[in-house]
Amino acid sequence: FPTAEAARCDDGRPRLRPPRPPSPVHDAIAAMVGDAGVGKTSLMNQYVNSKFSSQNKATIGADFLTKEVMVEDRLVTMQIWDTAGQERFQSLGVAFYRGADCCVLVFDVNLPKTFENLDSWRDEFLIQAGPRDPDNFPFVVLGNKIDLEDQRRISTKRAMTWCTLKGNIPYFETSAKENVEVEQAFHTIAKNALKQENDVDLGFPPPSAIKLHDPPPKQKKGCC
């Protein structure tokens, strides 16, 4: 018998292939943190909507977008949380750290202070998120706004050295405006988030079996 791919209609046209069964969808959550103005919102919008605007307002609390991507033949629904960078709004944003599968640390390569604050952002995330294995929780660092080359203050070497000392954190130099390395960075974020989500699922012991028809254990009577 001919296969589905080889089968043809009576008029000679090839038959359509039968639809493949839908792949299971995996969920993964990434939280973006960093100082105000480093481009977290712009990076998220460039990745999800392929759009850039220089008129983004400061994030209050947190905002999020979702995007379905394929990671190693698995369909993943990425939920990307853009958290507030301004100090007066940070207390609203930290509520969204818990449950994240990956943390994205963002700084502006043209503003040294935003790079120097990465330690504080990383430490605060680990405190608020409380991951089961903080030493191996996945981070990704994005050095943004590399399109402003004549204003650059943080070198690639300095940023990569920091990432190496923090456990070989993946590092990408991006431009949300010019769409440089944005897709590649978020693919790594999705991959690491998915791995973390799977590791957490595997880390929980299976629930103990409950037999519905067994009689309850008899209570021992005291001597008094």
C-alpha atoms as a PDB file:
ATOM      1  CA  PHE A   1       0.000   0.000   0.000  1.00  0.00           C
ATOM      2  CA  PRO A   2       1.294   3.532  -0.688  1.00  0.00           C
ATOM      3  CA  THR A   3       2.320   5.632   2.271  1.00  0.00           C
ATOM      4  CA  ALA A   4       0.396   8.756   3.223  1.00  0.00           C
ATOM      5  CA  GLU A   5       3.134  10.857   1.634  1.00  0.00           C
ATOM      6  CA  ALA A   6       3.019   8.913  -1.659  1.00  0.00           C
ATOM      7  CA  ALA A   7      -0.769   8.510  -1.944  1.00  0.00           C
ATOM      8  CA  ARG A   8      -2.435  10.522  -4.702  1.00  0.00           C
ATOM      9  CA  CYS A   9      -5.946  11.642  -5.540  1.00  0.00           C
ATOM     10  CA  ASP A  10      -7.808  10.280  -8.595  1.00  0.00           C
ATOM     11  CA  ASP A  11      -6.746  13.312 -10.650  1.00  0.00           C
ATOM     12  CA  GLY A  12      -3.078  12.736  -9.836  1.00  0.00           C
ATOM     13  CA  ARG A  13      -2.678  15.449  -7.247  1.00  0.00           C
ATOM     14  CA  PRO A  14      -0.798  14.342  -4.137  1.00  0.00           C
ATOM     15  CA  ARG A  15      -2.920  13.849  -1.070  1.00  0.00           C
ATOM     16  CA  LEU A  16      -2.304  16.034   1.926  1.00  0.00           C
ATOM     17  CA  ARG A  17      -0.269  14.399   4.632  1.00  0.00           C
ATOM     18  CA  PRO A  18      -2.250  13.471   7.711  1.00  0.00           C
ATOM     19  CA  PRO A  19      -1.787  16.058  10.463  1.00  0.00           C
ATOM     20  CA  ARG A  20       0.803  15.205  13.064  1.00  0.00           C
ATOM     21  CA  PRO A  21      -0.443  14.826  16.609  1.00  0.00           C
ATOM     22  CA  PRO A  22       0.082  18.045  18.565  1.00  0.00           C
ATOM     23  CA  SER A  23       3.271  18.203  20.595  1.00  0.00           C
ATOM     24  CA  PRO A  24       2.912  18.703  24.324  1.00  0.00           C
ATOM     25  CA  VAL A  25       3.436  22.332  25.255  1.00  0.00           C
ATOM     26  CA  HIS A  26       5.984  23.156  27.942  1.00  0.00           C
ATOM     27  CA  ASP A  27       5.789  26.324  30.008  1.00  0.00           C
ATOM     28  CA  ALA A  28       8.828  28.339  31.031  1.00  0.00           C
ATOM     29  CA  ILE A  29       9.078  31.661  32.853  1.00  0.00           C
ATOM     30  CA  ALA A  30      11.945  34.152  32.630  1.00  0.00           C
ATOM     31  CA  ALA A  31      12.257  37.241  34.829  1.00  0.00           C
ATOM     32  CA  MET A  32      14.197  40.228  33.492  1.00  0.00           C
ATOM     33  CA  VAL A  33      15.884  42.385  36.135  1.00  0.00           C
ATOM     34  CA  GLY A  34      18.239  45.353  36.091  1.00  0.00           C
ATOM     35  CA  ASP A  35      18.400  49.101  36.568  1.00  0.00           C
ATOM     36  CA  ALA A  36      15.800  51.402  35.051  1.00  0.00           C
ATOM     37  CA  GLY A  37      16.547  52.460  31.495  1.00  0.00           C
ATOM     38  CA  VAL A  38      18.829  49.571  30.510  1.00  0.00           C
ATOM     39  CA  GLY A  39      16.346  48.372  27.885  1.00  0.00           C
ATOM     40  CA  LYS A  40      14.507  45.432  29.446  1.00  0.00           C
ATOM     41  CA  THR A  41      11.149  46.446  27.968  1.00  0.00           C
ATOM     42  CA  SER A  42      12.700  47.160  24.571  1.00  0.00           C
ATOM     43  CA  LEU A  43      14.448  43.787  24.475  1.00  0.00           C
ATOM     44  CA  MET A  44      11.239  41.971  25.360  1.00  0.00           C
ATOM     45  CA  ASN A  45       9.245  43.854  22.721  1.00  0.00           C
ATOM     46  CA  GLN A  46      11.877  43.316  20.072  1.00  0.00           C
ATOM     47  CA  TYR A  47      11.950  39.576  20.742  1.00  0.00           C
ATOM     48  CA  VAL A  48       8.197  39.017  20.971  1.00  0.00           C
ATOM     49  CA  ASN A  49       6.791  41.666  18.613  1.00  0.00           C
ATOM     50  CA  SER A  50       9.809  42.581  16.442  1.00  0.00           C
ATOM     51  CA  LYS A  51       9.228  46.218  17.373  1.00  0.00           C
ATOM     52  CA  PHE A  52      11.364  48.940  18.939  1.00  0.00           C
ATOM     53  CA  SER A  53      10.270  52.219  20.468  1.00  0.00           C
ATOM     54  CA  SER A  54      12.387  54.869  22.137  1.00  0.00           C
ATOM     55  CA  GLN A  55       9.294  56.151  23.970  1.00  0.00           C
ATOM     56  CA  ASN A  56       8.843  53.294  26.461  1.00  0.00           C
ATOM     57  CA  LYS A  57       7.651  54.430  29.878  1.00  0.00           C
ATOM     58  CA  ALA A  58       9.121  53.136  33.127  1.00  0.00           C
ATOM     59  CA  THR A  59       7.678  49.776  34.129  1.00  0.00           C
ATOM     60  CA  ILE A  60       5.549  49.945  37.282  1.00  0.00           C
ATOM     61  CA  GLY A  61       5.645  46.635  39.126  1.00  0.00           C
ATOM     62  CA  ALA A  62       5.939  44.201  36.237  1.00  0.00           C
ATOM     63  CA  ASP A  63       4.695  43.551  32.744  1.00  0.00           C
ATOM     64  CA  PHE A  64       4.889  40.385  30.690  1.00  0.00           C
ATOM     65  CA  LEU A  65       4.603  38.983  27.173  1.00  0.00           C
ATOM     66  CA  THR A  66       4.447  35.415  25.910  1.00  0.00           C
ATOM     67  CA  LYS A  67       5.891  33.725  22.853  1.00  0.00           C
ATOM     68  CA  GLU A  68       5.815  30.144  21.616  1.00  0.00           C
ATOM     69  CA  VAL A  69       9.209  28.839  20.520  1.00  0.00           C
ATOM     70  CA  MET A  70      10.723  25.495  19.581  1.00  0.00           C
ATOM     71  CA  VAL A  71      13.524  24.341  21.858  1.00  0.00           C
ATOM     72  CA  GLU A  72      15.165  21.052  20.946  1.00  0.00           C
ATOM     73  CA  ASP A  73      12.036  19.793  19.155  1.00  0.00           C
ATOM     74  CA  ARG A  74       9.806  20.821  22.042  1.00  0.00           C
ATOM     75  CA  LEU A  75       7.154  23.526  21.861  1.00  0.00           C
ATOM     76  CA  VAL A  76       7.696  25.973  24.693  1.00  0.00           C
ATOM     77  CA  THR A  77       5.426  28.816  25.788  1.00  0.00           C
ATOM     78  CA  MET A  78       7.857  31.421  27.064  1.00  0.00           C
ATOM     79  CA  GLN A  79       6.455  33.867  29.594  1.00  0.00           C
ATOM     80  CA  ILE A  80       8.816  36.825  29.944  1.00  0.00           C
ATOM     81  CA  TRP A  81       8.404  39.098  32.960  1.00  0.00           C
ATOM     82  CA  ASP A  82       9.754  42.629  32.676  1.00  0.00           C
ATOM     83  CA  THR A  83      10.204  43.872  36.237  1.00  0.00           C
ATOM     84  CA  ALA A  84      10.573  47.445  37.477  1.00  0.00           C
ATOM     85  CA  GLY A  85      14.063  48.906  37.673  1.00  0.00           C
ATOM     86  CA  GLN A  86      13.222  52.109  39.503  1.00  0.00           C
ATOM     87  CA  GLU A  87      13.765  51.758  43.235  1.00  0.00           C
ATOM     88  CA  ARG A  88      10.322  53.097  44.168  1.00  0.00           C
ATOM     89  CA  PHE A  89       8.661  50.336  42.102  1.00  0.00           C
ATOM     90  CA  GLN A  90      11.017  47.457  42.911  1.00  0.00           C
ATOM     91  CA  SER A  91       8.976  46.175  45.829  1.00  0.00           C
ATOM     92  CA  LEU A  92       6.118  45.552  43.384  1.00  0.00           C
ATOM     93  CA  GLY A  93       8.316  43.673  40.937  1.00  0.00           C
ATOM     94  CA  VAL A  94       9.976  41.249  43.330  1.00  0.00           C
ATOM     95  CA  ALA A  95       6.649  39.492  43.851  1.00  0.00           C
ATOM     96  CA  PHE A  96       7.088  38.066  40.357  1.00  0.00           C
ATOM     97  CA  TYR A  97      10.534  36.565  40.984  1.00  0.00           C
ATOM     98  CA  ARG A  98       9.148  33.479  42.693  1.00  0.00           C
ATOM     99  CA  GLY A  99       8.271  30.837  40.159  1.00  0.00           C
ATOM    100  CA  ALA A 100      10.750  32.041  37.526  1.00  0.00           C
ATOM    101  CA  ASP A 101      12.749  29.325  35.739  1.00  0.00           C
ATOM    102  CA  CYS A 102      15.520  31.674  34.592  1.00  0.00           C
ATOM    103  CA  CYS A 103      16.686  35.156  35.568  1.00  0.00           C
ATOM    104  CA  VAL A 104      17.913  37.602  32.921  1.00  0.00           C
ATOM    105  CA  LEU A 105      20.298  40.251  34.262  1.00  0.00           C
ATOM    106  CA  VAL A 106      20.374  43.296  31.979  1.00  0.00           C
ATOM    107  CA  PHE A 107      22.802  46.219  32.027  1.00  0.00           C
ATOM    108  CA  ASP A 108      23.721  49.115  29.730  1.00  0.00           C
ATOM    109  CA  VAL A 109      27.268  48.776  28.356  1.00  0.00           C
ATOM    110  CA  ASN A 110      27.475  52.584  28.304  1.00  0.00           C
ATOM    111  CA  LEU A 111      26.630  53.091  31.997  1.00  0.00           C
ATOM    112  CA  PRO A 112      29.111  51.484  34.431  1.00  0.00           C
ATOM    113  CA  LYS A 113      26.747  51.832  37.401  1.00  0.00           C
ATOM    114  CA  THR A 114      24.198  49.514  35.759  1.00  0.00           C
ATOM    115  CA  PHE A 115      26.920  46.871  35.432  1.00  0.00           C
ATOM    116  CA  GLU A 116      28.175  47.347  38.979  1.00  0.00           C
ATOM    117  CA  ASN A 117      24.638  46.827  40.283  1.00  0.00           C
ATOM    118  CA  LEU A 118      24.359  43.337  38.768  1.00  0.00           C
ATOM    119  CA  ASP A 119      25.636  41.795  42.018  1.00  0.00           C
ATOM    120  CA  SER A 120      22.804  43.414  43.964  1.00  0.00           C
ATOM    121  CA  TRP A 121      20.192  42.378  41.408  1.00  0.00           C
ATOM    122  CA  ARG A 122      21.430  38.789  41.401  1.00  0.00           C
ATOM    123  CA  ASP A 123      21.530  38.559  45.198  1.00  0.00           C
ATOM    124  CA  GLU A 124      18.100  40.151  45.591  1.00  0.00           C
ATOM    125  CA  PHE A 125      16.593  37.776  43.061  1.00  0.00           C
ATOM    126  CA  LEU A 126      17.945  34.705  44.863  1.00  0.00           C
ATOM    127  CA  ILE A 127      16.650  36.001  48.206  1.00  0.00           C
ATOM    128  CA  GLN A 128      13.163  36.791  46.915  1.00  0.00           C
ATOM    129  CA  ALA A 129      12.769  33.822  44.549  1.00  0.00           C
ATOM    130  CA  GLY A 130      14.123  31.254  46.988  1.00  0.00           C
ATOM    131  CA  PRO A 131      15.053  28.623  44.374  1.00  0.00           C
ATOM    132  CA  ARG A 132      15.531  25.055  45.567  1.00  0.00           C
ATOM    133  CA  ASP A 133      19.153  24.993  44.319  1.00  0.00           C
ATOM    134  CA  PRO A 134      20.426  28.600  44.286  1.00  0.00           C
ATOM    135  CA  ASP A 135      23.990  27.617  43.362  1.00  0.00           C
ATOM    136  CA  ASN A 136      22.820  26.116  40.084  1.00  0.00           C
ATOM    137  CA  PHE A 137      19.897  28.393  39.250  1.00  0.00           C
ATOM    138  CA  PRO A 138      20.200  29.597  35.624  1.00  0.00           C
ATOM    139  CA  PHE A 139      21.065  33.217  34.922  1.00  0.00           C
ATOM    140  CA  VAL A 140      21.738  34.906  31.584  1.00  0.00           C
ATOM    141  CA  VAL A 141      23.427  38.317  31.300  1.00  0.00           C
ATOM    142  CA  LEU A 142      22.624  40.795  28.527  1.00  0.00           C
ATOM    143  CA  GLY A 143      24.881  43.789  27.883  1.00  0.00           C
ATOM    144  CA  ASN A 144      22.484  46.035  25.977  1.00  0.00           C
ATOM    145  CA  LYS A 145      22.758  49.159  23.788  1.00  0.00           C
ATOM    146  CA  ILE A 146      25.915  48.132  21.941  1.00  0.00           C
ATOM    147  CA  ASP A 147      24.701  50.245  18.998  1.00  0.00           C
ATOM    148  CA  LEU A 148      26.006  53.294  20.916  1.00  0.00           C
ATOM    149  CA  GLU A 149      29.579  52.158  20.300  1.00  0.00           C
ATOM    150  CA  ASP A 150      31.211  55.580  20.781  1.00  0.00           C
ATOM    151  CA  GLN A 151      29.722  55.821  24.293  1.00  0.00           C
ATOM    152  CA  ARG A 152      30.717  52.344  25.488  1.00  0.00           C
ATOM    153  CA  ARG A 153      32.249  52.105  28.972  1.00  0.00           C
ATOM    154  CA  ILE A 154      32.065  48.392  29.872  1.00  0.00           C
ATOM    155  CA  SER A 155      34.286  46.140  27.768  1.00  0.00           C
ATOM    156  CA  THR A 156      33.335  42.667  26.626  1.00  0.00           C
ATOM    157  CA  LYS A 157      36.265  41.236  28.588  1.00  0.00           C
ATOM    158  CA  ARG A 158      35.155  42.848  31.847  1.00  0.00           C
ATOM    159  CA  ALA A 159      31.594  41.600  31.471  1.00  0.00           C
ATOM    160  CA  MET A 160      32.676  38.070  30.539  1.00  0.00           C
ATOM    161  CA  THR A 161      35.073  37.947  33.491  1.00  0.00           C
ATOM    162  CA  TRP A 162      32.208  38.779  35.870  1.00  0.00           C
ATOM    163  CA  CYS A 163      30.046  36.084  34.294  1.00  0.00           C
ATOM    164  CA  THR A 164      32.839  33.523  34.594  1.00  0.00           C
ATOM    165  CA  LEU A 165      33.360  34.297  38.274  1.00  0.00           C
ATOM    166  CA  LYS A 166      29.621  33.867  38.906  1.00  0.00           C
ATOM    167  CA  GLY A 167      29.589  30.321  37.560  1.00  0.00           C
ATOM    168  CA  ASN A 168      30.021  30.719  33.797  1.00  0.00           C
ATOM    169  CA  ILE A 169      26.795  32.609  33.210  1.00  0.00           C
ATOM    170  CA  PRO A 170      25.975  32.876  29.485  1.00  0.00           C
ATOM    171  CA  TYR A 171      26.645  36.401  28.220  1.00  0.00           C
ATOM    172  CA  PHE A 172      25.244  38.190  25.167  1.00  0.00           C
ATOM    173  CA  GLU A 173      25.870  41.694  23.877  1.00  0.00           C
ATOM    174  CA  THR A 174      22.627  43.014  22.440  1.00  0.00           C
ATOM    175  CA  SER A 175      20.975  45.965  20.795  1.00  0.00           C
ATOM    176  CA  ALA A 176      17.208  46.087  21.112  1.00  0.00           C
ATOM    177  CA  LYS A 177      17.194  49.000  18.652  1.00  0.00           C
ATOM    178  CA  GLU A 178      19.176  47.220  15.922  1.00  0.00           C
ATOM    179  CA  ASN A 179      17.948  43.720  16.843  1.00  0.00           C
ATOM    180  CA  VAL A 180      21.469  42.420  17.453  1.00  0.00           C
ATOM    181  CA  GLU A 181      21.764  39.025  19.196  1.00  0.00           C
ATOM    182  CA  VAL A 182      18.266  39.345  20.653  1.00  0.00           C
ATOM    183  CA  GLU A 183      16.910  36.136  19.132  1.00  0.00           C
ATOM    184  CA  GLN A 184      20.023  34.165  20.075  1.00  0.00           C
ATOM    185  CA  ALA A 185      19.963  35.448  23.635  1.00  0.00           C
ATOM    186  CA  PHE A 186      16.327  34.554  24.219  1.00  0.00           C
ATOM    187  CA  HIS A 187      16.801  31.124  22.679  1.00  0.00           C
ATOM    188  CA  THR A 188      19.426  30.425  25.342  1.00  0.00           C
ATOM    189  CA  ILE A 189      17.106  31.884  27.992  1.00  0.00           C
ATOM    190  CA  ALA A 190      14.283  29.589  26.855  1.00  0.00           C
ATOM    191  CA  LYS A 191      16.587  26.574  26.763  1.00  0.00           C
ATOM    192  CA  ASN A 192      17.916  27.191  30.269  1.00  0.00           C
ATOM    193  CA  ALA A 193      14.463  27.990  31.640  1.00  0.00           C
ATOM    194  CA  LEU A 194      13.048  24.785  30.201  1.00  0.00           C
ATOM    195  CA  LYS A 195      15.873  22.739  31.705  1.00  0.00           C
ATOM    196  CA  GLN A 196      15.288  24.349  35.097  1.00  0.00           C
ATOM    197  CA  GLU A 197      11.545  23.712  34.889  1.00  0.00           C
ATOM    198  CA  ASN A 198      12.186  20.050  34.076  1.00  0.00           C
ATOM    199  CA  ASP A 199      14.735  19.707  36.874  1.00  0.00           C
ATOM    200  CA  VAL A 200      12.276  21.140  39.407  1.00  0.00           C
ATOM    201  CA  ASP A 201       9.563  18.762  38.245  1.00  0.00           C
ATOM    202  CA  LEU A 202      11.918  15.821  38.617  1.00  0.00           C
ATOM    203  CA  GLY A 203      13.017  16.989  42.044  1.00  0.00           C
ATOM    204  CA  PHE A 204       9.680  16.424  43.744  1.00  0.00           C
ATOM    205  CA  PRO A 205       9.051  12.929  45.152  1.00  0.00           C
ATOM    206  CA  PRO A 206       6.004  11.152  43.755  1.00  0.00           C
ATOM    207  CA  PRO A 207       2.929  11.311  45.962  1.00  0.00           C
ATOM    208  CA  SER A 208       2.386   8.241  48.074  1.00  0.00           C
ATOM    209  CA  ALA A 209      -0.355   5.892  46.950  1.00  0.00           C
ATOM    210  CA  ILE A 210      -3.660   6.078  48.760  1.00  0.00           C
ATOM    211  CA  LYS A 211      -5.807   2.968  48.925  1.00  0.00           C
ATOM    212  CA  LEU A 212      -9.428   3.999  49.034  1.00  0.00           C
ATOM    213  CA  HIS A 213     -10.869   0.654  50.094  1.00  0.00           C
ATOM    214  CA  ASP A 214      -8.560  -0.262  52.937  1.00  0.00           C
ATOM    215  CA  PRO A 215     -10.121   0.131  56.383  1.00  0.00           C
ATOM    216  CA  PRO A 216      -8.605   2.845  58.558  1.00  0.00           C
ATOM    217  CA  PRO A 217      -6.047   1.652  61.115  1.00  0.00           C
ATOM    218  CA  LYS A 218      -7.486   0.742  64.475  1.00  0.00           C
ATOM    219  CA  GLN A 219      -6.823   3.163  67.280  1.00  0.00           C
ATOM    220  CA  LYS A 220      -4.881   1.728  70.191  1.00  0.00           C
ATOM    221  CA  LYS A 221      -6.713   2.177  73.429  1.00  0.00           C
ATOM    222  CA  GLY A 222      -4.857   3.541  76.379  1.00  0.00           C
ATOM    223  CA  CYS A 223      -4.735   1.782  79.715  1.00  0.00           C
ATOM    224  CA  CYS A 224      -6.751   4.461  81.505  1.00  0.00           C
END
